[in-house]
C-alpha atoms as a PDB file:
ATOM      1  CA  MET A   1     136.387  75.815  97.028  1.00  0.00           C
ATOM      2  CA  ASN A   2     136.467  77.025 100.628  1.00  0.00           C
ATOM      3  CA  GLU A   3     137.865  73.694 101.786  1.00  0.00           C
ATOM      4  CA  LEU A   4     140.838  74.037  99.444  1.00  0.00           C
ATOM      5  CA  LEU A   5     142.030  76.938 101.579  1.00  0.00           C
ATOM      6  CA  SER A   6     141.477  75.494 105.066  1.00  0.00           C
ATOM      7  CA  GLY A   7     142.678  72.795 107.447  1.00  0.00           C
ATOM      8  CA  THR A   8     145.708  70.857 106.226  1.00  0.00           C
ATOM      9  CA  LYS A   9     145.205  71.619 102.532  1.00  0.00           C
ATOM     10  CA  PRO A  10     148.274  72.895 100.606  1.00  0.00           C
ATOM     11  CA  LEU A  11     146.617  76.237  99.827  1.00  0.00           C
ATOM     12  CA  ARG A  12     145.790  77.027 103.451  1.00  0.00           C
ATOM     13  CA  GLY A  13     146.470  80.677 104.218  1.00  0.00           C
ATOM     14  CA  ARG A  14     146.957  81.603 100.560  1.00  0.00           C
ATOM     15  CA  ALA A  15     143.565  83.298 100.056  1.00  0.00           C
ATOM     16  CA  ALA A  16     143.830  86.970  99.143  1.00  0.00           C
ATOM     17  CA  ILE A  17     140.108  87.764  99.048  1.00  0.00           C
ATOM     18  CA  ASP A  18     136.802  86.141 100.031  1.00  0.00           C
ATOM     19  CA  LEU A  19     134.385  87.341  97.348  1.00  0.00           C
ATOM     20  CA  ARG A  20     130.739  86.285  97.542  1.00  0.00           C
ATOM     21  CA  LEU A  21     128.870  86.326  94.239  1.00  0.00           C
ATOM     22  CA  HIS A  22     125.239  87.075  94.997  1.00  0.00           C
ATOM     23  CA  PRO A  23     122.321  86.492  92.602  1.00  0.00           C
ATOM     24  CA  PHE A  24     121.126  89.375  90.445  1.00  0.00           C
ATOM     25  CA  ASP A  25     118.462  91.634  91.880  1.00  0.00           C
ATOM     26  CA  LEU A  26     115.114  92.153  90.141  1.00  0.00           C
ATOM     27  CA  ALA A  27     116.222  95.046  87.929  1.00  0.00           C
ATOM     28  CA  THR A  28     119.472  93.375  86.861  1.00  0.00           C
ATOM     29  CA  THR A  29     117.677  90.098  86.114  1.00  0.00           C
ATOM     30  CA  ALA A  30     115.210  91.907  83.855  1.00  0.00           C
ATOM     31  CA  ARG A  31     118.057  93.463  81.882  1.00  0.00           C
ATOM     32  CA  HIS A  32     119.964  90.169  81.735  1.00  0.00           C
ATOM     33  CA  TRP A  33     116.951  88.323  80.310  1.00  0.00           C
ATOM     34  CA  GLY A  34     115.971  91.200  78.047  1.00  0.00           C
ATOM     35  CA  ILE A  35     112.503  91.516  79.584  1.00  0.00           C
ATOM     36  CA  GLU A  36     111.102  95.033  79.326  1.00  0.00           C
ATOM     37  CA  ASP A  37     107.663  94.375  80.840  1.00  0.00           C
ATOM     38  CA  PRO A  38     107.844  94.825  84.647  1.00  0.00           C
ATOM     39  CA  ALA A  39     105.077  92.292  85.403  1.00  0.00           C
ATOM     40  CA  ALA A  40     106.743  89.579  83.312  1.00  0.00           C
ATOM     41  CA  ALA A  41     110.160  90.339  84.835  1.00  0.00           C
ATOM     42  CA  LEU A  42     108.788  90.031  88.362  1.00  0.00           C
ATOM     43  CA  ARG A  43     107.265  86.622  87.631  1.00  0.00           C
ATOM     44  CA  VAL A  44     110.425  85.237  86.035  1.00  0.00           C
ATOM     45  CA  HIS A  45     112.485  86.487  88.977  1.00  0.00           C
ATOM     46  CA  ALA A  46     110.009  84.941  91.435  1.00  0.00           C
ATOM     47  CA  ILE A  47     110.361  81.566  89.711  1.00  0.00           C
ATOM     48  CA  LEU A  48     114.088  81.397  88.966  1.00  0.00           C
ATOM     49  CA  GLY A  49     115.667  84.042  91.162  1.00  0.00           C
ATOM     50  CA  GLY A  50     118.725  85.947  90.018  1.00  0.00           C
ATOM     51  CA  ALA A  51     121.154  83.161  89.040  1.00  0.00           C
ATOM     52  CA  PRO A  52     122.426  84.360  85.635  1.00  0.00           C
ATOM     53  CA  GLY A  53     123.221  80.864  84.360  1.00  0.00           C
ATOM     54  CA  TYR A  54     119.557  79.914  84.083  1.00  0.00           C
ATOM     55  CA  ARG A  55     119.292  82.200  81.051  1.00  0.00           C
ATOM     56  CA  ASN A  56     121.597  79.891  79.082  1.00  0.00           C
ATOM     57  CA  LEU A  57     119.574  76.822  80.074  1.00  0.00           C
ATOM     58  CA  SER A  58     116.403  78.145  78.483  1.00  0.00           C
ATOM     59  CA  ASN A  59     115.961  77.614  74.749  1.00  0.00           C
ATOM     60  CA  VAL A  60     112.624  79.465  74.804  1.00  0.00           C
ATOM     61  CA  SER A  61     112.397  83.211  74.247  1.00  0.00           C
ATOM     62  CA  PRO A  62     111.790  85.146  77.495  1.00  0.00           C
ATOM     63  CA  PRO A  63     108.205  86.317  78.079  1.00  0.00           C
ATOM     64  CA  GLN A  64     107.608  89.965  77.217  1.00  0.00           C
ATOM     65  CA  THR A  65     104.172  90.278  78.870  1.00  0.00           C
ATOM     66  CA  SER A  66     102.586  88.733  81.930  1.00  0.00           C
ATOM     67  CA  GLU A  67     100.247  86.818  79.599  1.00  0.00           C
ATOM     68  CA  GLU A  68     103.232  85.165  77.901  1.00  0.00           C
ATOM     69  CA  VAL A  69     104.538  83.898  81.247  1.00  0.00           C
ATOM     70  CA  ASP A  70     102.014  81.019  81.247  1.00  0.00           C
ATOM     71  CA  ALA A  71     103.330  79.560  77.990  1.00  0.00           C
ATOM     72  CA  TRP A  72     106.934  80.203  79.036  1.00  0.00           C
ATOM     73  CA  VAL A  73     106.493  78.325  82.327  1.00  0.00           C
ATOM     74  CA  THR A  74     104.997  75.247  80.675  1.00  0.00           C
ATOM     75  CA  ALA A  75     107.774  75.247  78.056  1.00  0.00           C
ATOM     76  CA  THR A  76     110.672  75.560  80.540  1.00  0.00           C
ATOM     77  CA  VAL A  77     110.437  74.797  84.257  1.00  0.00           C
ATOM     78  CA  LEU A  78     107.408  72.506  83.802  1.00  0.00           C
ATOM     79  CA  ASP A  79     108.709  70.675  80.720  1.00  0.00           C
ATOM     80  CA  PRO A  80     110.582  67.431  81.615  1.00  0.00           C
ATOM     81  CA  ARG A  81     112.539  67.719  78.351  1.00  0.00           C
ATOM     82  CA  GLN A  82     114.131  71.023  79.384  1.00  0.00           C
ATOM     83  CA  ALA A  83     117.242  71.619  81.490  1.00  0.00           C
ATOM     84  CA  LEU A  84     115.378  73.993  83.815  1.00  0.00           C
ATOM     85  CA  PHE A  85     113.014  71.207  84.853  1.00  0.00           C
ATOM     86  CA  SER A  86     113.759  69.145  87.937  1.00  0.00           C
ATOM     87  CA  GLY A  87     111.485  66.799  89.817  1.00  0.00           C
ATOM     88  CA  SER A  88     113.336  67.658  93.015  1.00  0.00           C
ATOM     89  CA  GLU A  89     115.815  70.519  92.721  1.00  0.00           C
ATOM     90  CA  ALA A  90     116.832  70.538  96.372  1.00  0.00           C
ATOM     91  CA  GLU A  91     117.500  66.804  96.389  1.00  0.00           C
ATOM     92  CA  TYR A  92     119.683  67.149  93.286  1.00  0.00           C
ATOM     93  CA  LEU A  93     121.666  70.020  94.809  1.00  0.00           C
ATOM     94  CA  LEU A  94     122.219  68.113  98.046  1.00  0.00           C
ATOM     95  CA  ARG A  95     123.475  65.060  96.150  1.00  0.00           C
ATOM     96  CA  GLU A  96     126.034  67.295  94.407  1.00  0.00           C
ATOM     97  CA  ASP A  97     127.246  68.788  97.698  1.00  0.00           C
ATOM     98  CA  PRO A  98     129.723  66.432  99.454  1.00  0.00           C
ATOM     99  CA  LYS A  99     128.738  67.761 102.889  1.00  0.00           C
ATOM    100  CA  PHE A 100     125.165  66.479 102.530  1.00  0.00           C
ATOM    101  CA  THR A 101     125.529  63.218 100.573  1.00  0.00           C
ATOM    102  CA  GLY A 102     122.771  60.801 101.499  1.00  0.00           C
ATOM    103  CA  SER A 103     121.103  63.167 103.964  1.00  0.00           C
ATOM    104  CA  ALA A 104     117.359  62.629 103.725  1.00  0.00           C
ATOM    105  CA  LEU A 105     116.848  64.810 106.803  1.00  0.00           C
ATOM    106  CA  HIS A 106     118.405  67.855 105.147  1.00  0.00           C
ATOM    107  CA  TYR A 107     116.165  67.467 102.124  1.00  0.00           C
ATOM    108  CA  ALA A 108     113.109  67.031 104.383  1.00  0.00           C
ATOM    109  CA  ILE A 109     113.995  70.255 106.219  1.00  0.00           C
ATOM    110  CA  ILE A 110     114.226  72.226 102.966  1.00  0.00           C
ATOM    111  CA  ASN A 111     110.902  70.764 101.857  1.00  0.00           C
ATOM    112  CA  ALA A 112     109.284  71.736 105.174  1.00  0.00           C
ATOM    113  CA  VAL A 113     110.552  75.318 104.924  1.00  0.00           C
ATOM    114  CA  ALA A 114     109.366  75.597 101.314  1.00  0.00           C
ATOM    115  CA  ASN A 115     105.932  74.519 102.507  1.00  0.00           C
ATOM    116  CA  GLY A 116     105.714  77.279 105.083  1.00  0.00           C
ATOM    117  CA  ALA A 117     107.551  76.130 108.213  1.00  0.00           C
ATOM    118  CA  THR A 118     109.489  79.240 109.259  1.00  0.00           C
ATOM    119  CA  SER A 119     110.867  78.197 112.662  1.00  0.00           C
ATOM    120  CA  PRO A 120     112.604  75.134 114.153  1.00  0.00           C
ATOM    121  CA  ALA A 121     109.462  74.344 116.135  1.00  0.00           C
ATOM    122  CA  LYS A 122     107.270  74.370 113.013  1.00  0.00           C
ATOM    123  CA  ILE A 123     109.804  72.325 111.054  1.00  0.00           C
ATOM    124  CA  GLY A 124     109.934  69.798 113.878  1.00  0.00           C
ATOM    125  CA  GLY A 125     106.146  69.614 113.928  1.00  0.00           C
ATOM    126  CA  LEU A 126     105.957  68.804 110.212  1.00  0.00           C
ATOM    127  CA  LEU A 127     108.766  66.244 110.398  1.00  0.00           C
ATOM    128  CA  GLU A 128     107.695  64.817 113.760  1.00  0.00           C
ATOM    129  CA  GLN A 129     111.175  65.483 115.095  1.00  0.00           C
ATOM    130  CA  PRO A 130     112.155  67.188 118.362  1.00  0.00           C
ATOM    131  CA  ARG A 131     113.280  70.759 117.840  1.00  0.00           C
ATOM    132  CA  SER A 132     116.606  70.113 119.565  1.00  0.00           C
ATOM    133  CA  SER A 133     117.586  67.471 116.989  1.00  0.00           C
ATOM    134  CA  LEU A 134     117.204  69.947 114.108  1.00  0.00           C
ATOM    135  CA  ALA A 135     119.585  72.675 115.291  1.00  0.00           C
ATOM    136  CA  ARG A 136     122.736  71.280 113.676  1.00  0.00           C
ATOM    137  CA  PRO A 137     121.232  70.288 110.289  1.00  0.00           C
ATOM    138  CA  ILE A 138     119.460  73.681 110.023  1.00  0.00           C
ATOM    139  CA  ASP A 139     122.720  75.485 110.844  1.00  0.00           C
ATOM    140  CA  ALA A 140     124.506  73.426 108.181  1.00  0.00           C
ATOM    141  CA  LEU A 141     121.897  74.290 105.544  1.00  0.00           C
ATOM    142  CA  VAL A 142     122.108  77.996 106.452  1.00  0.00           C
ATOM    143  CA  ALA A 143     125.920  77.958 106.292  1.00  0.00           C
ATOM    144  CA  ALA A 144     125.811  76.255 102.886  1.00  0.00           C
ATOM    145  CA  GLY A 145     123.363  78.827 101.523  1.00  0.00           C
ATOM    146  CA  TYR A 146     120.300  76.609 101.104  1.00  0.00           C
ATOM    147  CA  LEU A 147     118.297  78.379 103.821  1.00  0.00           C
ATOM    148  CA  ARG A 148     118.190  81.884 105.269  1.00  0.00           C
ATOM    149  CA  TYR A 149     117.904  82.263 109.036  1.00  0.00           C
ATOM    150  CA  GLU A 150     116.915  85.696 110.274  1.00  0.00           C
ATOM    151  CA  THR A 151     115.812  86.971 113.649  1.00  0.00           C
ATOM    152  CA  ASP A 152     112.888  89.342 113.989  1.00  0.00           C
ATOM    153  CA  PRO A 153     114.508  92.643 115.035  1.00  0.00           C
ATOM    154  CA  LEU A 154     111.705  93.570 117.423  1.00  0.00           C
ATOM    155  CA  TRP A 155     111.305  90.070 118.874  1.00  0.00           C
ATOM    156  CA  GLU A 156     114.795  88.603 119.012  1.00  0.00           C
ATOM    157  CA  ARG A 157     113.606  85.131 120.001  1.00  0.00           C
ATOM    158  CA  ARG A 158     111.406  84.818 116.915  1.00  0.00           C
ATOM    159  CA  PRO A 159     113.420  83.174 114.108  1.00  0.00           C
ATOM    160  CA  VAL A 160     112.345  83.414 110.484  1.00  0.00           C
ATOM    161  CA  ILE A 161     113.671  80.652 108.218  1.00  0.00           C
ATOM    162  CA  THR A 162     113.145  80.799 104.447  1.00  0.00           C
ATOM    163  CA  VAL A 163     114.402  78.988 101.334  1.00  0.00           C
ATOM    164  CA  ALA A 164     117.257  80.959  99.797  1.00  0.00           C
ATOM    165  CA  ASP A 165     116.850  79.905  96.148  1.00  0.00           C
ATOM    166  CA  PRO A 166     113.512  80.746  94.469  1.00  0.00           C
ATOM    167  CA  ILE A 167     113.772  77.844  92.013  1.00  0.00           C
ATOM    168  CA  VAL A 168     113.922  75.393  94.927  1.00  0.00           C
ATOM    169  CA  ARG A 169     110.799  77.007  96.358  1.00  0.00           C
ATOM    170  CA  PHE A 170     109.063  76.739  92.966  1.00  0.00           C
ATOM    171  CA  HIS A 171     109.905  73.080  92.528  1.00  0.00           C
ATOM    172  CA  ASN A 172     108.717  72.172  96.028  1.00  0.00           C
ATOM    173  CA  LEU A 173     105.464  74.139  95.845  1.00  0.00           C
ATOM    174  CA  ILE A 174     104.567  73.692  92.171  1.00  0.00           C
ATOM    175  CA  THR A 175     106.492  70.925  90.398  1.00  0.00           C
ATOM    176  CA  VAL A 176     106.446  68.219  93.065  1.00  0.00           C
ATOM    177  CA  PRO A 177     102.688  68.396  93.862  1.00  0.00           C
ATOM    178  CA  GLN A 178     101.853  68.324  90.123  1.00  0.00           C
ATOM    179  CA  ARG A 179     104.508  65.794  89.095  1.00  0.00           C
ATOM    180  CA  ASP A 180     102.066  63.246  87.640  1.00  0.00           C
ATOM    181  CA  LEU A 181     100.486  65.821  85.328  1.00  0.00           C
ATOM    182  CA  VAL A 182     103.826  67.304  84.319  1.00  0.00           C
ATOM    183  CA  GLU A 183     105.452  63.974  83.523  1.00  0.00           C
ATOM    184  CA  THR A 184     102.479  62.874  81.391  1.00  0.00           C
ATOM    185  CA  GLY A 185     102.610  65.928  79.149  1.00  0.00           C
ATOM    186  CA  GLN A 186      99.890  67.947  80.899  1.00  0.00           C
ATOM    187  CA  SER A 187     102.039  70.868  82.010  1.00  0.00           C
ATOM    188  CA  ALA A 188      99.440  73.464  81.031  1.00  0.00           C
ATOM    189  CA  GLU A 189      96.873  71.805  83.277  1.00  0.00           C
ATOM    190  CA  ALA A 190      99.407  71.494  86.085  1.00  0.00           C
ATOM    191  CA  TRP A 191     100.244  75.198  85.867  1.00  0.00           C
ATOM    192  CA  GLN A 192      96.575  76.176  85.770  1.00  0.00           C
ATOM    193  CA  ARG A 193      95.910  74.228  88.963  1.00  0.00           C
ATOM    194  CA  SER A 194      98.969  75.746  90.607  1.00  0.00           C
ATOM    195  CA  ARG A 195      98.218  79.383  89.857  1.00  0.00           C
ATOM    196  CA  PRO A 196      96.576  80.137  93.259  1.00  0.00           C
ATOM    197  CA  THR A 197      99.565  78.594  95.054  1.00  0.00           C
ATOM    198  CA  PHE A 198     101.985  80.575  92.886  1.00  0.00           C
ATOM    199  CA  VAL A 199     100.252  83.894  93.567  1.00  0.00           C
ATOM    200  CA  ALA A 200      99.789  83.393  97.314  1.00  0.00           C
ATOM    201  CA  ARG A 201     102.959  81.557  98.335  1.00  0.00           C
ATOM    202  CA  ILE A 202     105.524  82.547  95.728  1.00  0.00           C
ATOM    203  CA  LEU A 203     104.654  85.819  93.976  1.00  0.00           C
ATOM    204  CA  GLY A 204     103.341  87.587  97.098  1.00  0.00           C
ATOM    205  CA  PRO A 205     106.304  86.826  99.399  1.00  0.00           C
ATOM    206  CA  HIS A 206     108.747  87.460  96.559  1.00  0.00           C
ATOM    207  CA  PHE A 207     107.297  90.903  95.890  1.00  0.00           C
ATOM    208  CA  GLU A 208     107.736  91.718  99.565  1.00  0.00           C
ATOM    209  CA  SER A 209     111.398  90.659  99.429  1.00  0.00           C
ATOM    210  CA  CYS A 210     111.905  92.778  96.293  1.00  0.00           C
ATOM    211  CA  GLY A 211     110.499  95.790  98.151  1.00  0.00           C
ATOM    212  CA  ARG A 212     112.968  95.260 100.983  1.00  0.00           C
ATOM    213  CA  ALA A 213     115.855  94.738  98.541  1.00  0.00           C
ATOM    214  CA  TRP A 214     114.956  97.959  96.705  1.00  0.00           C
ATOM    215  CA  LEU A 215     114.962  99.942  99.922  1.00  0.00           C
ATOM    216  CA  ARG A 216     118.332  98.469 100.945  1.00  0.00           C
ATOM    217  CA  GLY A 217     120.220  98.964  97.717  1.00  0.00           C
ATOM    218  CA  GLN A 218     118.440 101.062  95.095  1.00  0.00           C
ATOM    219  CA  ALA A 219     116.390 103.685  96.904  1.00  0.00           C
ATOM    220  CA  ASP A 220     117.633 107.084  98.016  1.00  0.00           C
ATOM    221  CA  PRO A 221     119.511 106.435 101.305  1.00  0.00           C
ATOM    222  CA  ALA A 222     117.579 109.344 102.851  1.00  0.00           C
ATOM    223  CA  LEU A 223     114.458 107.143 102.839  1.00  0.00           C
ATOM    224  CA  ARG A 224     116.161 104.763 105.288  1.00  0.00           C
ATOM    225  CA  GLY A 225     117.377 107.550 107.536  1.00  0.00           C
ATOM    226  CA  ASN A 226     119.789 106.176 110.144  1.00  0.00           C
ATOM    227  CA  ALA A 227     118.332 102.681 109.924  1.00  0.00           C
ATOM    228  CA  GLY A 228     120.917  99.927 109.949  1.00  0.00           C
ATOM    229  CA  LEU A 229     118.461  97.152 109.147  1.00  0.00           C
ATOM    230  CA  VAL A 230     115.693  96.636 106.584  1.00  0.00           C
ATOM    231  CA  THR A 231     113.565  93.554 107.139  1.00  0.00           C
ATOM    232  CA  GLY A 232     110.043  92.388 108.042  1.00  0.00           C
ATOM    233  CA  THR A 233     108.513  91.936 111.464  1.00  0.00           C
ATOM    234  CA  VAL A 234     105.393  91.150 113.467  1.00  0.00           C
ATOM    235  CA  VAL A 235     103.810  93.468 116.030  1.00  0.00           C
ATOM    236  CA  ASN A 236     101.103  92.809 118.597  1.00  0.00           C
ATOM    237  CA  ASP A 237      98.160  95.208 118.763  1.00  0.00           C
ATOM    238  CA  ARG A 238      97.227  95.183 122.438  1.00  0.00           C
ATOM    239  CA  LYS A 239      94.044  97.181 121.942  1.00  0.00           C
ATOM    240  CA  GLY A 240      92.754  95.155 119.025  1.00  0.00           C
ATOM    241  CA  GLN A 241      94.171  91.921 120.461  1.00  0.00           C
ATOM    242  CA  ALA A 242      95.626  91.084 117.068  1.00  0.00           C
ATOM    243  CA  LYS A 243      99.001  90.323 115.544  1.00  0.00           C
ATOM    244  CA  HIS A 244     100.035  92.318 112.467  1.00  0.00           C
ATOM    245  CA  GLU A 245     102.727  91.504 109.941  1.00  0.00           C
ATOM    246  CA  ILE A 246     104.811  94.398 108.658  1.00  0.00           C
ATOM    247  CA  ASP A 247     106.281  93.581 105.249  1.00  0.00           C
ATOM    248  CA  VAL A 248     108.986  96.258 105.247  1.00  0.00           C
ATOM    249  CA  ILE A 249     110.527  98.004 108.234  1.00  0.00           C
ATOM    250  CA  ALA A 250     113.715 100.079 108.451  1.00  0.00           C
ATOM    251  CA  LEU A 251     115.025 100.585 111.975  1.00  0.00           C
ATOM    252  CA  ASP A 252     117.937 101.135 114.282  1.00  0.00           C
ATOM    253  CA  LYS A 253     117.646  99.266 117.580  1.00  0.00           C
ATOM    254  CA  ARG A 254     119.572 100.082 120.715  1.00  0.00           C
ATOM    255  CA  SER A 255     118.972  98.974 124.309  1.00  0.00           C
ATOM    256  CA  GLY A 256     115.716  97.281 123.389  1.00  0.00           C
ATOM    257  CA  ARG A 257     114.177 100.417 121.863  1.00  0.00           C
ATOM    258  CA  ALA A 258     114.021 100.915 118.117  1.00  0.00           C
ATOM    259  CA  THR A 259     114.022 104.090 116.081  1.00  0.00           C
ATOM    260  CA  ILE A 260     111.729 103.340 113.153  1.00  0.00           C
ATOM    261  CA  SER A 261     112.649 105.150 109.926  1.00  0.00           C
ATOM    262  CA  LEU A 262     110.067 103.484 107.683  1.00  0.00           C
ATOM    263  CA  ILE A 263     107.255 100.966 107.800  1.00  0.00           C
ATOM    264  CA  GLY A 264     105.642  99.648 104.664  1.00  0.00           C
ATOM    265  CA  GLU A 265     103.396  97.115 102.997  1.00  0.00           C
ATOM    266  CA  ALA A 266     104.110  95.329  99.712  1.00  0.00           C
ATOM    267  CA  LYS A 267     101.131  93.666  98.041  1.00  0.00           C
ATOM    268  CA  ALA A 268     101.283  91.704  94.778  1.00  0.00           C
ATOM    269  CA  THR A 269      97.557  91.959  94.103  1.00  0.00           C
ATOM    270  CA  VAL A 270      95.675  92.808  90.902  1.00  0.00           C
ATOM    271  CA  THR A 271      93.909  95.718  92.613  1.00  0.00           C
ATOM    272  CA  GLN A 272      95.349  99.164  93.153  1.00  0.00           C
ATOM    273  CA  ARG A 273      96.337 100.206  96.657  1.00  0.00           C
ATOM    274  CA  SER A 274      93.775 102.419  98.377  1.00  0.00           C
ATOM    275  CA  MET A 275      93.300 104.736 101.347  1.00  0.00           C
ATOM    276  CA  GLY A 276      92.495 101.683 103.455  1.00  0.00           C
ATOM    277  CA  ASP A 277      96.108 100.542 103.104  1.00  0.00           C
ATOM    278  CA  LEU A 278      97.388 103.918 104.275  1.00  0.00           C
ATOM    279  CA  ASP A 279      94.992 103.854 107.236  1.00  0.00           C
ATOM    280  CA  ARG A 280      96.400 100.476 108.235  1.00  0.00           C
ATOM    281  CA  LEU A 281      99.955 101.837 108.154  1.00  0.00           C
ATOM    282  CA  ASP A 282      98.867 104.757 110.349  1.00  0.00           C
ATOM    283  CA  ARG A 283      97.514 102.238 112.856  1.00  0.00           C
ATOM    284  CA  LEU A 284     100.712 100.164 112.746  1.00  0.00           C
ATOM    285  CA  LYS A 285     102.703 103.304 113.470  1.00  0.00           C
ATOM    286  CA  GLU A 286     100.506 103.932 116.518  1.00  0.00           C
ATOM    287  CA  VAL A 287     101.017 100.334 117.704  1.00  0.00           C
ATOM    288  CA  LEU A 288     104.798 100.651 117.427  1.00  0.00           C
ATOM    289  CA  THR A 289     104.628 103.884 119.430  1.00  0.00           C
ATOM    290  CA  GLU A 290     102.581 102.113 122.110  1.00  0.00           C
ATOM    291  CA  HIS A 291     105.343  99.502 122.343  1.00  0.00           C
ATOM    292  CA  GLY A 292     107.829 102.255 123.209  1.00  0.00           C
ATOM    293  CA  HIS A 293     109.560 102.635 119.855  1.00  0.00           C
ATOM    294  CA  ASP A 294     110.489 106.021 118.379  1.00  0.00           C
ATOM    295  CA  THR A 295     108.210 106.794 115.408  1.00  0.00           C
ATOM    296  CA  ALA A 296     108.521 110.578 115.414  1.00  0.00           C
ATOM    297  CA  SER A 297     110.013 110.684 111.913  1.00  0.00           C
ATOM    298  CA  THR A 298     108.682 107.407 110.514  1.00  0.00           C
ATOM    299  CA  LEU A 299     107.788 107.310 106.818  1.00  0.00           C
ATOM    300  CA  LEU A 300     104.892 105.194 105.582  1.00  0.00           C
ATOM    301  CA  ALA A 301     105.525 103.228 102.374  1.00  0.00           C
ATOM    302  CA  LEU A 302     103.250 101.288 100.044  1.00  0.00           C
ATOM    303  CA  PHE A 303     104.674  99.005  97.347  1.00  0.00           C
ATOM    304  CA  ALA A 304     102.124  98.055  94.695  1.00  0.00           C
ATOM    305  CA  MET A 305     102.232  95.748  91.691  1.00  0.00           C
ATOM    306  CA  GLU A 306      99.244  97.443  90.029  1.00  0.00           C
ATOM    307  CA  GLY A 307      99.632 101.041  91.149  1.00  0.00           C
ATOM    308  CA  PHE A 308      97.570 103.346  93.380  1.00  0.00           C
ATOM    309  CA  GLN A 309      94.119 104.867  93.402  1.00  0.00           C
ATOM    310  CA  PRO A 310      94.043 108.628  92.619  1.00  0.00           C
ATOM    311  CA  ASP A 311      92.741 109.690  96.042  1.00  0.00           C
ATOM    312  CA  LEU A 312      95.617 107.834  97.717  1.00  0.00           C
ATOM    313  CA  VAL A 313      98.161 109.567  95.462  1.00  0.00           C
ATOM    314  CA  GLY A 314      96.637 112.969  96.240  1.00  0.00           C
ATOM    315  CA  THR A 315      96.638 112.335  99.989  1.00  0.00           C
ATOM    316  CA  ALA A 316     100.224 111.082  99.920  1.00  0.00           C
ATOM    317  CA  ARG A 317     101.401 114.242  98.163  1.00  0.00           C
ATOM    318  CA  ARG A 318      99.607 116.489 100.642  1.00  0.00           C
ATOM    319  CA  ARG A 319     100.855 114.663 103.742  1.00  0.00           C
ATOM    320  CA  GLY A 320     104.536 114.537 102.841  1.00  0.00           C
ATOM    321  CA  ASP A 321     105.347 111.453 104.957  1.00  0.00           C
ATOM    322  CA  VAL A 322     104.171 108.794 102.499  1.00  0.00           C
ATOM    323  CA  LEU A 323     106.212 106.887  99.912  1.00  0.00           C
ATOM    324  CA  LEU A 324     104.405 105.184  97.006  1.00  0.00           C
ATOM    325  CA  VAL A 325     106.499 102.732  94.965  1.00  0.00           C
ATOM    326  CA  ASP A 326     105.132 100.946  91.915  1.00  0.00           C
ATOM    327  CA  LEU A 327     106.602  98.017  89.993  1.00  0.00           C
ATOM    328  CA  PRO A 328     108.454 100.100  87.344  1.00  0.00           C
ATOM    329  CA  ALA A 329     110.273 101.936  90.151  1.00  0.00           C
ATOM    330  CA  LEU A 330     111.439  98.614  91.623  1.00  0.00           C
ATOM    331  CA  LEU A 331     112.984  97.810  88.239  1.00  0.00           C
ATOM    332  CA  ASP A 332     114.719 101.204  87.940  1.00  0.00           C
ATOM    333  CA  LEU A 333     112.382 102.140  85.086  1.00  0.00           C
ATOM    334  CA  GLY A 334     111.133 105.284  86.795  1.00  0.00           C
ATOM    335  CA  ASP A 335     110.907 107.169  90.054  1.00  0.00           C
ATOM    336  CA  PRO A 336     108.459 106.319  92.855  1.00  0.00           C
ATOM    337  CA  VAL A 337     104.963 107.691  92.322  1.00  0.00           C
ATOM    338  CA  VAL A 338     105.239 109.831  95.458  1.00  0.00           C
ATOM    339  CA  VAL A 339     108.413 110.650  97.374  1.00  0.00           C
ATOM    340  CA  PRO A 340     108.177 112.136 100.920  1.00  0.00           C
ATOM    341  CA  ARG A 341     109.140 115.759 101.351  1.00  0.00           C
END
């Protein structure tokens, strides 16, 4: 559609608006699918993302509990007879896009990113290609919306590349490795074998992204302070000689120094968050201060799929600088468990 309005095309210069239609967020997807259980909604969103059209491609009732997700998966995305199934979703999409017709390299790059390669150097290592030869195809995939390319705000030379569409990630990590089982009618076995991969490499990272999306668009703007950016980052602990990932950080960076409004962790585990998680955030705040960043008014946030232990809730309420967000709050089904004073 963009090409109809550019170059020598008759409609060049006739565009009145450039409107980007983004996928639904977690809360909107749950309402669109009619899923009231937060755990089930999170899993469906992690598998399919927020494209509303997928709802019409499913002739199976949406799961209403996390236990029903297993049967729903095997009857939809892992059933070769269903429209939601694809042996290679990214390859199909690239064939449909005239800019990438016949490009095996583009498909290989998407596959590498889905399997954990988050930088040009790592992608080149998996594909046995020099990093310099991948710059243009990666840029093309980012421009077309297949990949996201972000720069770590605290370490501007550290790129973070991810797959933009969750269903492409699911097909590369789950469907393709289990293709033989799926295509021979053993979808339940394929899903059972894939559960650890789903939890660690799909559900976990997706829950983190949902936490960041909530803070950007649904949370009280006061929680972000003057932060212009909400993302994730990595920080080096010079004393402990360790590197720590920060799942959620809200900051405003000027002249190399950042003012940190919030740092947080988002964990999609079956255990409740504890005081140990809050202690870790306290340490991360100290590390950021040691790096010269302003943490004087930094809030500490914990996002939990299964809630929080009572002693953590009590401590958070007494301290006044801790935000506790559970899964219902991410779906606009309630307020955060604890909101900073």
